[in-house]
Amino acid sequence: MNISLVKFGTTLTSRQLGKEAYLAFRPNLSALSGEEQLFVDFEGVITFSPSWGDEFLTPLMKEYGKRLILQNTDNISVRATLELLEEINKSKFTII
């Protein structure tokens, strides 16, 4: 399954908006089979804040672990936020 984050906007900031995005997307995850990978695509995202990322990615990381794959993470804002979330959660994202 693929999640294109740009559908939530190019500027992903605030804890509240991240939580709303997660809750809006959550019902789609029921279609994910037991072994299927979950790809999160950052293509087109310009700004990605730690608060938004914590509300959206942290629950996914906790639930799907190594099945969660991040892609198109070259943006400096995205990279910095991912590094911070890894440090806080003491867990590494799988990035391709």
C-alpha atoms as a PDB file:
ATOM      1  CA  MET A   1       0.000   0.000   0.000  1.00  0.00           C
ATOM      2  CA  ASN A   2       1.210   3.512  -0.812  1.00  0.00           C
ATOM      3  CA  ILE A   3       0.563   6.760   1.047  1.00  0.00           C
ATOM      4  CA  SER A   4       1.444   9.901  -0.882  1.00  0.00           C
ATOM      5  CA  LEU A   5       1.832  12.559   1.802  1.00  0.00           C
ATOM      6  CA  VAL A   6       1.459  15.422  -0.668  1.00  0.00           C
ATOM      7  CA  LYS A   7      -2.261  14.678  -0.721  1.00  0.00           C
ATOM      8  CA  PHE A   8      -2.273  16.184   2.792  1.00  0.00           C
ATOM      9  CA  GLY A   9      -0.414  19.262   1.491  1.00  0.00           C
ATOM     10  CA  THR A  10       3.120  20.399   0.755  1.00  0.00           C
ATOM     11  CA  THR A  11       3.563  22.024   4.165  1.00  0.00           C
ATOM     12  CA  LEU A  12       2.946  19.431   6.863  1.00  0.00           C
ATOM     13  CA  THR A  13       3.067  21.222  10.191  1.00  0.00           C
ATOM     14  CA  SER A  14       1.309  21.155  13.569  1.00  0.00           C
ATOM     15  CA  ARG A  15       0.487  18.292  15.822  1.00  0.00           C
ATOM     16  CA  GLN A  16      -3.260  18.761  15.341  1.00  0.00           C
ATOM     17  CA  LEU A  17      -3.058  18.552  11.531  1.00  0.00           C
ATOM     18  CA  GLY A  18      -0.821  15.487  11.713  1.00  0.00           C
ATOM     19  CA  LYS A  19      -3.269  13.751  14.011  1.00  0.00           C
ATOM     20  CA  GLU A  20      -6.199  14.679  11.753  1.00  0.00           C
ATOM     21  CA  ALA A  21      -4.337  13.327   8.708  1.00  0.00           C
ATOM     22  CA  TYR A  22      -3.563  10.067  10.514  1.00  0.00           C
ATOM     23  CA  LEU A  23      -7.158   9.625  11.677  1.00  0.00           C
ATOM     24  CA  ALA A  24      -8.447  10.394   8.172  1.00  0.00           C
ATOM     25  CA  PHE A  25      -6.133   7.818   6.601  1.00  0.00           C
ATOM     26  CA  ARG A  26      -6.433   5.166   9.324  1.00  0.00           C
ATOM     27  CA  PRO A  27      -9.541   3.420   7.859  1.00  0.00           C
ATOM     28  CA  ASN A  28      -7.574   2.710   4.649  1.00  0.00           C
ATOM     29  CA  LEU A  29      -5.092   0.617   6.619  1.00  0.00           C
ATOM     30  CA  SER A  30      -7.674  -2.110   7.175  1.00  0.00           C
ATOM     31  CA  ALA A  31      -7.067  -3.124   3.545  1.00  0.00           C
ATOM     32  CA  LEU A  32      -3.390  -3.840   4.302  1.00  0.00           C
ATOM     33  CA  SER A  33      -2.714  -7.582   4.325  1.00  0.00           C
ATOM     34  CA  GLY A  34      -0.656  -9.233   7.062  1.00  0.00           C
ATOM     35  CA  GLU A  35       2.676  -9.185   5.247  1.00  0.00           C
ATOM     36  CA  GLU A  36       2.146  -6.256   2.876  1.00  0.00           C
ATOM     37  CA  GLN A  37       4.534  -3.324   3.121  1.00  0.00           C
ATOM     38  CA  LEU A  38       3.316   0.223   3.743  1.00  0.00           C
ATOM     39  CA  PHE A  39       5.128   2.817   1.613  1.00  0.00           C
ATOM     40  CA  VAL A  40       5.041   6.468   2.670  1.00  0.00           C
ATOM     41  CA  ASP A  41       6.073   8.765  -0.180  1.00  0.00           C
ATOM     42  CA  PHE A  42       7.389  12.268   0.593  1.00  0.00           C
ATOM     43  CA  GLU A  43       7.528  13.375  -3.069  1.00  0.00           C
ATOM     44  CA  GLY A  44       6.370  17.005  -3.261  1.00  0.00           C
ATOM     45  CA  VAL A  45       6.522  17.673   0.488  1.00  0.00           C
ATOM     46  CA  ILE A  46       8.334  20.961   1.126  1.00  0.00           C
ATOM     47  CA  THR A  47       8.047  21.364   4.898  1.00  0.00           C
ATOM     48  CA  PHE A  48       7.709  18.488   7.343  1.00  0.00           C
ATOM     49  CA  SER A  49       7.601  19.320  11.046  1.00  0.00           C
ATOM     50  CA  PRO A  50       8.450  16.963  13.906  1.00  0.00           C
ATOM     51  CA  SER A  51       5.040  17.482  15.496  1.00  0.00           C
ATOM     52  CA  TRP A  52       3.158  16.494  12.308  1.00  0.00           C
ATOM     53  CA  GLY A  53       5.506  13.581  11.744  1.00  0.00           C
ATOM     54  CA  ASP A  54       5.155  12.365  15.314  1.00  0.00           C
ATOM     55  CA  GLU A  55       1.370  12.257  15.047  1.00  0.00           C
ATOM     56  CA  PHE A  56       1.360  10.547  11.648  1.00  0.00           C
ATOM     57  CA  LEU A  57       4.488   8.386  11.403  1.00  0.00           C
ATOM     58  CA  THR A  58       5.070   7.312  14.996  1.00  0.00           C
ATOM     59  CA  PRO A  59       1.822   5.305  15.246  1.00  0.00           C
ATOM     60  CA  LEU A  60       2.597   3.707  11.874  1.00  0.00           C
ATOM     61  CA  MET A  61       6.127   2.817  12.983  1.00  0.00           C
ATOM     62  CA  LYS A  62       4.825   1.280  16.200  1.00  0.00           C
ATOM     63  CA  GLU A  63       2.177  -0.773  14.422  1.00  0.00           C
ATOM     64  CA  TYR A  64       3.990  -1.808  11.231  1.00  0.00           C
ATOM     65  CA  GLY A  65       7.670  -1.731  12.212  1.00  0.00           C
ATOM     66  CA  LYS A  66       9.931  -2.844   9.362  1.00  0.00           C
ATOM     67  CA  ARG A  67       6.924  -3.107   7.024  1.00  0.00           C
ATOM     68  CA  LEU A  68       6.834   0.722   7.029  1.00  0.00           C
ATOM     69  CA  ILE A  69       9.028   1.967   4.156  1.00  0.00           C
ATOM     70  CA  LEU A  70       9.739   5.662   3.554  1.00  0.00           C
ATOM     71  CA  GLN A  71      10.667   6.943   0.107  1.00  0.00           C
ATOM     72  CA  ASN A  72      11.644  10.237  -1.555  1.00  0.00           C
ATOM     73  CA  THR A  73      13.066  11.623   1.691  1.00  0.00           C
ATOM     74  CA  ASP A  74      15.798  13.801   0.164  1.00  0.00           C
ATOM     75  CA  ASN A  75      14.271  17.115   1.283  1.00  0.00           C
ATOM     76  CA  ILE A  76      16.303  18.655   4.145  1.00  0.00           C
ATOM     77  CA  SER A  77      13.195  19.331   6.225  1.00  0.00           C
ATOM     78  CA  VAL A  78      12.046  15.727   5.832  1.00  0.00           C
ATOM     79  CA  ARG A  79      15.476  14.295   6.656  1.00  0.00           C
ATOM     80  CA  ALA A  80      15.907  16.448   9.770  1.00  0.00           C
ATOM     81  CA  THR A  81      12.469  15.500  11.081  1.00  0.00           C
ATOM     82  CA  LEU A  82      12.999  11.791  10.426  1.00  0.00           C
ATOM     83  CA  GLU A  83      16.331  11.858  12.259  1.00  0.00           C
ATOM     84  CA  LEU A  84      14.708  13.575  15.236  1.00  0.00           C
ATOM     85  CA  LEU A  85      11.833  11.071  15.331  1.00  0.00           C
ATOM     86  CA  GLU A  86      14.295   8.174  15.175  1.00  0.00           C
ATOM     87  CA  GLU A  87      16.184   9.622  18.117  1.00  0.00           C
ATOM     88  CA  ILE A  88      13.035  10.223  20.159  1.00  0.00           C
ATOM     89  CA  ASN A  89      11.516   6.806  19.396  1.00  0.00           C
ATOM     90  CA  LYS A  90      14.834   4.934  19.605  1.00  0.00           C
ATOM     91  CA  SER A  91      13.970   3.184  16.360  1.00  0.00           C
ATOM     92  CA  LYS A  92      15.180   3.513  12.777  1.00  0.00           C
ATOM     93  CA  PHE A  93      12.915   4.016   9.775  1.00  0.00           C
ATOM     94  CA  THR A  94      13.457   1.918   6.675  1.00  0.00           C
ATOM     95  CA  ILE A  95      14.245   4.423   3.916  1.00  0.00           C
ATOM     96  CA  ILE A  96      14.692   3.621   0.251  1.00  0.00           C
END
